[in-house]
């Protein structure tokens, strides 16, 4: 597994990951038809600008995990990361992927 900081060029891979996870009942708060490239670009841009975002790829170069969080726009919360999201591909769940991404520095 390769974990690295995400870039804006990861939008399509992240979109695919979110769609795979959204197909599982309760997999994500959003349904698959509520997830599109614009939605991904929105939170990815916020995370790159004022937070963190990491992606994890399998040995076959498939995106299998992602973690993100960013600071709210209000100054009084600028020291806090919020909207934490961890997404792990259904095929990679229960293998320690979420923990490995969460512990990334």
N, C-alpha and C. Protein backbone atom coordinates (compact mmCIF):
# COMPACT_ATOMS: atom_id res chain seq x y z
N UNK A 1 0.84 -1.17 0.00
CA UNK A 1 0.00 0.00 0.00
C UNK A 1 0.89 1.24 0.00
N UNK A 2 0.49 2.23 -0.78
CA UNK A 2 1.21 3.50 -0.88
C UNK A 2 0.29 4.60 -0.39
N UNK A 3 0.65 5.30 0.67
CA UNK A 3 -0.13 6.42 1.19
C UNK A 3 0.63 7.70 0.91
N UNK A 4 -0.07 8.69 0.35
CA UNK A 4 0.56 9.97 0.05
C UNK A 4 -0.47 11.08 0.18
N UNK A 5 0.02 12.32 0.21
CA UNK A 5 -0.89 13.46 0.20
C UNK A 5 -1.61 13.49 -1.14
N UNK A 6 -2.88 13.81 -1.10
CA UNK A 6 -3.66 13.90 -2.33
C UNK A 6 -3.33 15.19 -3.06
N UNK A 7 -3.63 15.20 -4.33
CA UNK A 7 -3.51 16.40 -5.16
C UNK A 7 -4.83 16.58 -5.90
N UNK A 8 -4.99 17.73 -6.49
CA UNK A 8 -6.22 18.03 -7.23
C UNK A 8 -6.41 17.06 -8.40
N UNK A 9 -5.33 16.48 -8.88
CA UNK A 9 -5.43 15.53 -10.00
C UNK A 9 -6.00 14.17 -9.57
N UNK A 10 -6.24 13.98 -8.28
CA UNK A 10 -6.82 12.73 -7.78
C UNK A 10 -8.35 12.73 -7.81
N UNK A 11 -8.97 13.78 -8.33
CA UNK A 11 -10.43 13.90 -8.29
C UNK A 11 -11.13 12.66 -8.85
N UNK A 12 -10.77 12.20 -10.01
CA UNK A 12 -11.47 11.07 -10.63
C UNK A 12 -11.31 9.79 -9.82
N UNK A 13 -10.12 9.54 -9.29
CA UNK A 13 -9.91 8.35 -8.46
C UNK A 13 -10.74 8.43 -7.18
N UNK A 14 -10.78 9.60 -6.57
CA UNK A 14 -11.57 9.78 -5.34
C UNK A 14 -13.05 9.63 -5.65
N UNK A 15 -13.49 10.18 -6.76
CA UNK A 15 -14.89 10.03 -7.18
C UNK A 15 -15.25 8.56 -7.31
N UNK A 16 -14.41 7.77 -7.95
CA UNK A 16 -14.66 6.34 -8.09
C UNK A 16 -14.74 5.64 -6.75
N UNK A 17 -13.82 5.99 -5.84
CA UNK A 17 -13.82 5.40 -4.50
C UNK A 17 -15.12 5.73 -3.76
N UNK A 18 -15.51 6.98 -3.77
CA UNK A 18 -16.74 7.39 -3.07
C UNK A 18 -17.95 6.68 -3.67
N UNK A 19 -18.00 6.55 -4.98
CA UNK A 19 -19.13 5.86 -5.61
C UNK A 19 -19.18 4.39 -5.20
N UNK A 20 -18.03 3.73 -5.14
CA UNK A 20 -18.00 2.32 -4.72
C UNK A 20 -18.51 2.17 -3.29
N UNK A 21 -18.07 3.05 -2.41
CA UNK A 21 -18.46 2.96 -1.00
C UNK A 21 -19.92 3.35 -0.82
N UNK A 22 -20.41 4.32 -1.58
CA UNK A 22 -21.80 4.77 -1.46
C UNK A 22 -22.79 3.69 -1.89
N UNK A 23 -22.36 2.73 -2.67
CA UNK A 23 -23.25 1.63 -3.09
C UNK A 23 -23.62 0.71 -1.93
N UNK A 24 -22.82 0.74 -0.87
CA UNK A 24 -23.09 -0.08 0.31
C UNK A 24 -24.08 0.68 1.19
N UNK A 25 -25.19 0.07 1.58
CA UNK A 25 -26.11 0.77 2.47
C UNK A 25 -25.39 1.26 3.73
N UNK A 26 -25.48 2.56 3.98
CA UNK A 26 -24.81 3.16 5.13
C UNK A 26 -23.33 3.39 4.95
N UNK A 27 -22.81 3.14 3.75
CA UNK A 27 -21.38 3.30 3.50
C UNK A 27 -20.92 4.74 3.62
N UNK A 28 -21.73 5.66 3.16
CA UNK A 28 -21.45 7.10 3.26
C UNK A 28 -22.75 7.82 3.61
N UNK A 29 -22.63 9.03 4.11
CA UNK A 29 -23.82 9.82 4.40
C UNK A 29 -24.56 10.21 3.12
N UNK A 30 -23.83 10.35 2.03
CA UNK A 30 -24.44 10.70 0.74
C UNK A 30 -24.71 9.44 -0.07
N UNK A 31 -25.74 9.52 -0.89
CA UNK A 31 -26.04 8.43 -1.82
C UNK A 31 -25.19 8.58 -3.07
N UNK A 32 -25.05 7.51 -3.82
CA UNK A 32 -24.19 7.53 -5.00
C UNK A 32 -24.58 8.63 -5.98
N UNK A 33 -25.88 8.85 -6.18
CA UNK A 33 -26.30 9.87 -7.15
C UNK A 33 -26.11 11.30 -6.63
N UNK A 34 -25.71 11.45 -5.38
CA UNK A 34 -25.41 12.78 -4.81
C UNK A 34 -23.92 13.10 -4.90
N UNK A 35 -23.14 12.16 -5.39
CA UNK A 35 -21.69 12.34 -5.45
C UNK A 35 -21.28 12.53 -6.90
N UNK A 36 -20.66 13.67 -7.18
CA UNK A 36 -20.16 13.94 -8.53
C UNK A 36 -18.81 14.65 -8.43
N UNK A 37 -18.20 14.92 -9.56
CA UNK A 37 -16.86 15.54 -9.58
C UNK A 37 -16.86 16.90 -8.89
N UNK A 38 -17.94 17.66 -9.02
CA UNK A 38 -18.02 18.98 -8.39
C UNK A 38 -18.01 18.84 -6.86
N UNK A 39 -18.74 17.88 -6.34
CA UNK A 39 -18.75 17.62 -4.90
C UNK A 39 -17.34 17.25 -4.41
N UNK A 40 -16.68 16.35 -5.12
CA UNK A 40 -15.33 15.92 -4.75
C UNK A 40 -14.37 17.10 -4.81
N UNK A 41 -14.43 17.87 -5.89
CA UNK A 41 -13.54 19.03 -6.04
C UNK A 41 -13.73 20.03 -4.91
N UNK A 42 -14.97 20.20 -4.45
CA UNK A 42 -15.25 21.15 -3.37
C UNK A 42 -14.53 20.81 -2.09
N UNK A 43 -14.71 19.57 -1.60
CA UNK A 43 -14.06 19.24 -0.33
C UNK A 43 -12.56 19.00 -0.51
N UNK A 44 -12.15 18.54 -1.69
CA UNK A 44 -10.72 18.35 -1.93
C UNK A 44 -10.00 19.70 -1.92
N UNK A 45 -10.58 20.70 -2.55
CA UNK A 45 -9.98 22.04 -2.55
C UNK A 45 -9.88 22.61 -1.14
N UNK A 46 -10.95 22.45 -0.34
CA UNK A 46 -10.93 22.94 1.05
C UNK A 46 -9.84 22.23 1.85
N UNK A 47 -9.74 20.93 1.66
CA UNK A 47 -8.75 20.15 2.41
C UNK A 47 -7.33 20.52 2.02
N UNK A 48 -7.10 20.74 0.74
CA UNK A 48 -5.76 21.13 0.29
C UNK A 48 -5.41 22.53 0.76
N UNK A 49 -6.40 23.41 0.85
CA UNK A 49 -6.18 24.80 1.23
C UNK A 49 -5.99 24.97 2.74
N UNK A 50 -6.82 24.28 3.53
CA UNK A 50 -6.77 24.54 4.97
C UNK A 50 -7.00 23.28 5.80
N UNK A 51 -6.36 22.21 5.41
CA UNK A 51 -6.54 20.98 6.18
C UNK A 51 -5.55 19.92 5.75
N UNK A 52 -6.06 18.71 5.64
CA UNK A 52 -5.23 17.60 5.19
C UNK A 52 -6.08 16.64 4.38
N UNK A 53 -5.41 15.94 3.48
CA UNK A 53 -6.07 14.90 2.70
C UNK A 53 -4.99 13.93 2.21
N UNK A 54 -5.19 12.66 2.54
CA UNK A 54 -4.28 11.60 2.12
C UNK A 54 -5.06 10.55 1.35
N UNK A 55 -4.40 9.91 0.42
CA UNK A 55 -4.98 8.82 -0.35
C UNK A 55 -4.08 7.60 -0.23
N UNK A 56 -4.72 6.43 -0.31
CA UNK A 56 -3.98 5.17 -0.22
C UNK A 56 -4.27 4.33 -1.46
N UNK A 57 -3.21 3.85 -2.08
CA UNK A 57 -3.34 3.04 -3.28
C UNK A 57 -2.87 1.63 -3.00
N UNK A 58 -3.56 0.66 -3.59
CA UNK A 58 -3.17 -0.73 -3.46
C UNK A 58 -1.93 -0.98 -4.31
N UNK A 59 -1.41 -2.18 -4.19
CA UNK A 59 -0.24 -2.56 -5.00
C UNK A 59 -0.55 -2.52 -6.49
N UNK A 60 -1.84 -2.62 -6.83
CA UNK A 60 -2.27 -2.57 -8.24
C UNK A 60 -2.62 -1.15 -8.68
N UNK A 61 -2.22 -0.15 -7.89
CA UNK A 61 -2.43 1.28 -8.18
C UNK A 61 -3.90 1.66 -8.21
N UNK A 62 -4.73 0.96 -7.45
CA UNK A 62 -6.15 1.29 -7.32
C UNK A 62 -6.32 2.08 -6.02
N UNK A 63 -7.05 3.20 -6.09
CA UNK A 63 -7.31 3.98 -4.88
C UNK A 63 -8.23 3.18 -3.97
N UNK A 64 -7.77 2.89 -2.77
CA UNK A 64 -8.54 2.07 -1.85
C UNK A 64 -8.88 2.78 -0.54
N UNK A 65 -8.36 3.99 -0.34
CA UNK A 65 -8.66 4.71 0.88
C UNK A 65 -8.36 6.18 0.78
N UNK A 66 -9.06 6.95 1.61
CA UNK A 66 -8.86 8.40 1.62
C UNK A 66 -9.28 8.93 2.98
N UNK A 67 -8.56 9.93 3.46
CA UNK A 67 -8.93 10.63 4.68
C UNK A 67 -8.80 12.13 4.41
N UNK A 68 -9.74 12.89 4.96
CA UNK A 68 -9.66 14.34 4.81
C UNK A 68 -10.27 15.02 6.01
N UNK A 69 -9.83 16.23 6.24
CA UNK A 69 -10.40 17.12 7.24
C UNK A 69 -9.92 18.52 6.90
N UNK A 70 -10.69 19.51 7.26
CA UNK A 70 -10.27 20.89 7.00
C UNK A 70 -10.83 21.80 8.08
N UNK A 71 -10.24 22.99 8.17
CA UNK A 71 -10.68 23.95 9.18
C UNK A 71 -11.89 24.71 8.66
N UNK A 72 -12.82 25.00 9.55
CA UNK A 72 -13.97 25.83 9.17
C UNK A 72 -13.49 27.24 8.81
N UNK A 73 -14.29 27.95 8.10
CA UNK A 73 -13.92 29.30 7.67
C UNK A 73 -13.96 30.33 8.81
N UNK A 74 -14.64 30.03 9.89
CA UNK A 74 -14.72 30.96 11.01
C UNK A 74 -13.37 31.02 11.73
N UNK A 75 -12.90 32.23 11.99
CA UNK A 75 -11.60 32.41 12.64
C UNK A 75 -11.52 31.70 13.98
N UNK A 76 -12.59 31.77 14.77
CA UNK A 76 -12.55 31.19 16.11
C UNK A 76 -12.35 29.67 16.07
N UNK A 77 -12.57 29.05 14.92
CA UNK A 77 -12.36 27.60 14.78
C UNK A 77 -11.17 27.28 13.88
N UNK A 78 -10.35 28.26 13.57
CA UNK A 78 -9.25 28.05 12.62
C UNK A 78 -8.18 27.09 13.14
N UNK A 79 -8.20 26.78 14.41
CA UNK A 79 -7.24 25.83 14.98
C UNK A 79 -7.79 24.40 15.03
N UNK A 80 -9.01 24.20 14.52
CA UNK A 80 -9.69 22.92 14.62
C UNK A 80 -9.90 22.31 13.23
N UNK A 81 -9.59 21.04 13.09
CA UNK A 81 -9.93 20.33 11.86
C UNK A 81 -11.32 19.74 12.05
N UNK A 82 -12.18 19.89 11.04
CA UNK A 82 -13.53 19.35 11.14
C UNK A 82 -13.88 18.61 9.85
N UNK A 83 -15.10 18.14 9.80
CA UNK A 83 -15.60 17.39 8.65
C UNK A 83 -14.68 16.22 8.31
N UNK A 84 -14.19 15.55 9.34
CA UNK A 84 -13.32 14.40 9.14
C UNK A 84 -14.07 13.31 8.40
N UNK A 85 -13.47 12.81 7.34
CA UNK A 85 -14.05 11.72 6.56
C UNK A 85 -12.96 10.71 6.27
N UNK A 86 -13.26 9.46 6.53
CA UNK A 86 -12.38 8.35 6.17
C UNK A 86 -13.19 7.41 5.29
N UNK A 87 -12.70 7.13 4.11
CA UNK A 87 -13.40 6.26 3.16
C UNK A 87 -12.45 5.14 2.76
N UNK A 88 -12.94 3.90 2.89
CA UNK A 88 -12.14 2.73 2.54
C UNK A 88 -12.95 1.87 1.57
N UNK A 89 -12.33 1.47 0.48
CA UNK A 89 -12.96 0.61 -0.52
C UNK A 89 -13.54 -0.64 0.16
N UNK A 90 -14.73 -1.07 -0.24
CA UNK A 90 -15.33 -2.26 0.36
C UNK A 90 -14.41 -3.48 0.34
N UNK A 91 -13.63 -3.65 -0.70
CA UNK A 91 -12.74 -4.80 -0.81
C UNK A 91 -11.52 -4.69 0.12
N UNK A 92 -11.26 -3.50 0.65
CA UNK A 92 -10.09 -3.30 1.51
C UNK A 92 -10.48 -3.08 2.98
N UNK A 93 -11.77 -3.17 3.29
CA UNK A 93 -12.20 -2.95 4.66
C UNK A 93 -11.81 -4.14 5.53
N UNK A 94 -11.66 -3.84 6.82
CA UNK A 94 -11.28 -4.84 7.83
C UNK A 94 -9.86 -5.38 7.63
N UNK A 95 -9.01 -4.55 7.00
CA UNK A 95 -7.62 -4.95 6.77
C UNK A 95 -6.65 -3.94 7.38
N UNK A 96 -7.16 -3.01 8.19
CA UNK A 96 -6.31 -2.01 8.82
C UNK A 96 -6.04 -0.79 7.96
N UNK A 97 -6.72 -0.69 6.82
CA UNK A 97 -6.50 0.44 5.90
C UNK A 97 -6.90 1.77 6.54
N UNK A 98 -8.08 1.82 7.14
CA UNK A 98 -8.54 3.06 7.78
C UNK A 98 -7.58 3.53 8.85
N UNK A 99 -7.12 2.61 9.67
CA UNK A 99 -6.17 2.94 10.73
C UNK A 99 -4.86 3.46 10.14
N UNK A 100 -4.36 2.80 9.10
CA UNK A 100 -3.09 3.21 8.49
C UNK A 100 -3.20 4.62 7.91
N UNK A 101 -4.31 4.92 7.28
CA UNK A 101 -4.49 6.27 6.72
C UNK A 101 -4.62 7.29 7.86
N UNK A 102 -5.39 6.93 8.88
CA UNK A 102 -5.62 7.84 9.99
C UNK A 102 -4.33 8.17 10.72
N UNK A 103 -3.41 7.23 10.80
CA UNK A 103 -2.15 7.44 11.52
C UNK A 103 -1.08 8.09 10.66
N UNK A 104 -1.38 8.35 9.39
CA UNK A 104 -0.40 8.98 8.49
C UNK A 104 -0.05 10.37 8.99
N UNK A 105 1.21 10.74 8.85
CA UNK A 105 1.65 12.10 9.27
C UNK A 105 2.30 12.80 8.11
